[in-house]
Amino acid sequence: LSQPVRLICESVRAILEEAPPEISADLCDTGVTIVGGGALLFGIGEAVSDHLGVPARVAEDPLTAVARGTGILLDELDELCDGLGVEEDD
């Protein structure tokens, strides 16, 4: 592995070790999706999958995935807040 890919894999592992058990269980079942500029590194999906032992895939358009996901979240904020019992002013 190249140094940047190795560092990304180690960072992802460190973050997941701190995650609640239910999140870790979900990731074992569904895998991870890699987004952002780092997703363009050659072989990153396979490296993350091998390092973590879970399925990993690169998003279809990794450079805009976070922005698009944030837009979807904001469009659905009312429903999300209602479902969580949170008032938007909180």
C-alpha atoms as a PDB file:
ATOM      1  CA  LEU A   1       0.000   0.000   0.000  1.00  0.00           C
ATOM      2  CA  SER A   2       1.101   3.540  -0.653  1.00  0.00           C
ATOM      3  CA  GLN A   3       1.650   5.770   2.365  1.00  0.00           C
ATOM      4  CA  PRO A   4      -1.527   7.878   1.819  1.00  0.00           C
ATOM      5  CA  VAL A   5      -3.710   4.795   1.369  1.00  0.00           C
ATOM      6  CA  ARG A   6      -2.188   3.135   4.444  1.00  0.00           C
ATOM      7  CA  LEU A   7      -2.818   6.267   6.538  1.00  0.00           C
ATOM      8  CA  ILE A   8      -6.436   6.464   5.358  1.00  0.00           C
ATOM      9  CA  CYS A   9      -7.013   2.799   6.221  1.00  0.00           C
ATOM     10  CA  GLU A  10      -5.474   3.226   9.668  1.00  0.00           C
ATOM     11  CA  SER A  11      -7.534   6.365  10.310  1.00  0.00           C
ATOM     12  CA  VAL A  12     -10.772   4.670   9.284  1.00  0.00           C
ATOM     13  CA  ARG A  13      -9.992   1.729  11.569  1.00  0.00           C
ATOM     14  CA  ALA A  14      -9.241   4.061  14.512  1.00  0.00           C
ATOM     15  CA  ILE A  15     -12.532   5.917  14.013  1.00  0.00           C
ATOM     16  CA  LEU A  16     -14.532   2.700  13.751  1.00  0.00           C
ATOM     17  CA  GLU A  17     -12.950   1.369  16.951  1.00  0.00           C
ATOM     18  CA  GLU A  18     -14.530   4.344  18.753  1.00  0.00           C
ATOM     19  CA  ALA A  19     -17.952   3.900  17.097  1.00  0.00           C
ATOM     20  CA  PRO A  20     -20.901   2.479  19.040  1.00  0.00           C
ATOM     21  CA  PRO A  21     -21.413  -1.278  18.545  1.00  0.00           C
ATOM     22  CA  GLU A  22     -24.617  -0.825  16.516  1.00  0.00           C
ATOM     23  CA  ILE A  23     -22.781   1.299  13.942  1.00  0.00           C
ATOM     24  CA  SER A  24     -19.993  -1.254  13.682  1.00  0.00           C
ATOM     25  CA  ALA A  25     -22.572  -4.010  13.220  1.00  0.00           C
ATOM     26  CA  ASP A  26     -24.286  -2.041  10.433  1.00  0.00           C
ATOM     27  CA  LEU A  27     -20.965  -1.512   8.662  1.00  0.00           C
ATOM     28  CA  CYS A  28     -20.173  -5.212   8.859  1.00  0.00           C
ATOM     29  CA  ASP A  29     -23.520  -5.928   7.192  1.00  0.00           C
ATOM     30  CA  THR A  30     -23.611  -3.143   4.604  1.00  0.00           C
ATOM     31  CA  GLY A  31     -19.974  -2.129   4.208  1.00  0.00           C
ATOM     32  CA  VAL A  32     -18.576   1.354   3.757  1.00  0.00           C
ATOM     33  CA  THR A  33     -18.819   3.867   0.947  1.00  0.00           C
ATOM     34  CA  ILE A  34     -15.766   5.996   0.306  1.00  0.00           C
ATOM     35  CA  VAL A  35     -16.372   9.617  -0.693  1.00  0.00           C
ATOM     36  CA  GLY A  36     -14.315  12.746  -1.257  1.00  0.00           C
ATOM     37  CA  GLY A  37     -11.063  13.274  -3.075  1.00  0.00           C
ATOM     38  CA  GLY A  38      -9.346  10.376  -1.316  1.00  0.00           C
ATOM     39  CA  ALA A  39     -11.799   8.034  -3.005  1.00  0.00           C
ATOM     40  CA  LEU A  40      -9.964   8.753  -6.261  1.00  0.00           C
ATOM     41  CA  LEU A  41      -6.754   7.128  -5.014  1.00  0.00           C
ATOM     42  CA  PHE A  42      -6.026   4.031  -7.044  1.00  0.00           C
ATOM     43  CA  GLY A  43      -7.064   0.860  -5.202  1.00  0.00           C
ATOM     44  CA  ILE A  44      -8.537   2.628  -2.170  1.00  0.00           C
ATOM     45  CA  GLY A  45     -11.745   0.566  -2.135  1.00  0.00           C
ATOM     46  CA  GLU A  46      -9.938  -2.754  -2.139  1.00  0.00           C
ATOM     47  CA  ALA A  47      -7.369  -1.524   0.391  1.00  0.00           C
ATOM     48  CA  VAL A  48     -10.034  -0.324   2.841  1.00  0.00           C
ATOM     49  CA  SER A  49     -11.974  -3.556   2.417  1.00  0.00           C
ATOM     50  CA  ASP A  50      -8.876  -5.679   3.025  1.00  0.00           C
ATOM     51  CA  HIS A  51      -7.756  -3.586   5.994  1.00  0.00           C
ATOM     52  CA  LEU A  52     -11.155  -3.490   7.703  1.00  0.00           C
ATOM     53  CA  GLY A  53     -12.494  -6.850   6.626  1.00  0.00           C
ATOM     54  CA  VAL A  54     -15.790  -5.343   5.436  1.00  0.00           C
ATOM     55  CA  PRO A  55     -17.095  -4.572   1.956  1.00  0.00           C
ATOM     56  CA  ALA A  56     -16.007  -1.161   0.656  1.00  0.00           C
ATOM     57  CA  ARG A  57     -17.008   0.715  -2.457  1.00  0.00           C
ATOM     58  CA  VAL A  58     -16.245   4.093  -3.976  1.00  0.00           C
ATOM     59  CA  ALA A  59     -19.261   6.364  -4.438  1.00  0.00           C
ATOM     60  CA  GLU A  60     -20.439   6.898  -8.012  1.00  0.00           C
ATOM     61  CA  ASP A  61     -19.423  10.575  -7.903  1.00  0.00           C
ATOM     62  CA  PRO A  62     -17.211  10.801  -4.814  1.00  0.00           C
ATOM     63  CA  LEU A  63     -16.292  14.464  -5.226  1.00  0.00           C
ATOM     64  CA  THR A  64     -19.899  15.651  -4.856  1.00  0.00           C
ATOM     65  CA  ALA A  65     -21.348  12.861  -2.701  1.00  0.00           C
ATOM     66  CA  VAL A  66     -21.113  14.733   0.610  1.00  0.00           C
ATOM     67  CA  ALA A  67     -22.653  17.907  -0.815  1.00  0.00           C
ATOM     68  CA  ARG A  68     -25.479  15.946  -2.445  1.00  0.00           C
ATOM     69  CA  GLY A  69     -26.116  14.000   0.760  1.00  0.00           C
ATOM     70  CA  THR A  70     -26.200  17.206   2.790  1.00  0.00           C
ATOM     71  CA  GLY A  71     -28.720  18.651   0.339  1.00  0.00           C
ATOM     72  CA  ILE A  72     -30.947  15.594   0.741  1.00  0.00           C
ATOM     73  CA  LEU A  73     -30.688  15.854   4.539  1.00  0.00           C
ATOM     74  CA  LEU A  74     -31.672  19.524   4.466  1.00  0.00           C
ATOM     75  CA  ASP A  75     -34.610  18.791   2.141  1.00  0.00           C
ATOM     76  CA  GLU A  76     -35.850  16.153   4.590  1.00  0.00           C
ATOM     77  CA  LEU A  77     -35.005  18.024   7.814  1.00  0.00           C
ATOM     78  CA  ASP A  78     -38.625  18.550   8.854  1.00  0.00           C
ATOM     79  CA  GLU A  79     -39.413  14.835   8.592  1.00  0.00           C
ATOM     80  CA  LEU A  80     -36.167  13.878  10.323  1.00  0.00           C
ATOM     81  CA  CYS A  81     -36.838  16.220  13.236  1.00  0.00           C
ATOM     82  CA  ASP A  82     -40.420  14.954  13.544  1.00  0.00           C
ATOM     83  CA  GLY A  83     -39.223  11.346  13.551  1.00  0.00           C
ATOM     84  CA  LEU A  84     -36.660  12.072  16.252  1.00  0.00           C
ATOM     85  CA  GLY A  85     -39.058  14.171  18.336  1.00  0.00           C
ATOM     86  CA  VAL A  86     -36.815  17.216  18.007  1.00  0.00           C
ATOM     87  CA  GLU A  87     -38.025  20.746  17.410  1.00  0.00           C
ATOM     88  CA  GLU A  88     -36.138  22.599  14.675  1.00  0.00           C
ATOM     89  CA  ASP A  89     -35.297  25.492  16.996  1.00  0.00           C
ATOM     90  CA  ASP A  90     -33.236  23.145  19.271  1.00  0.00           C
END
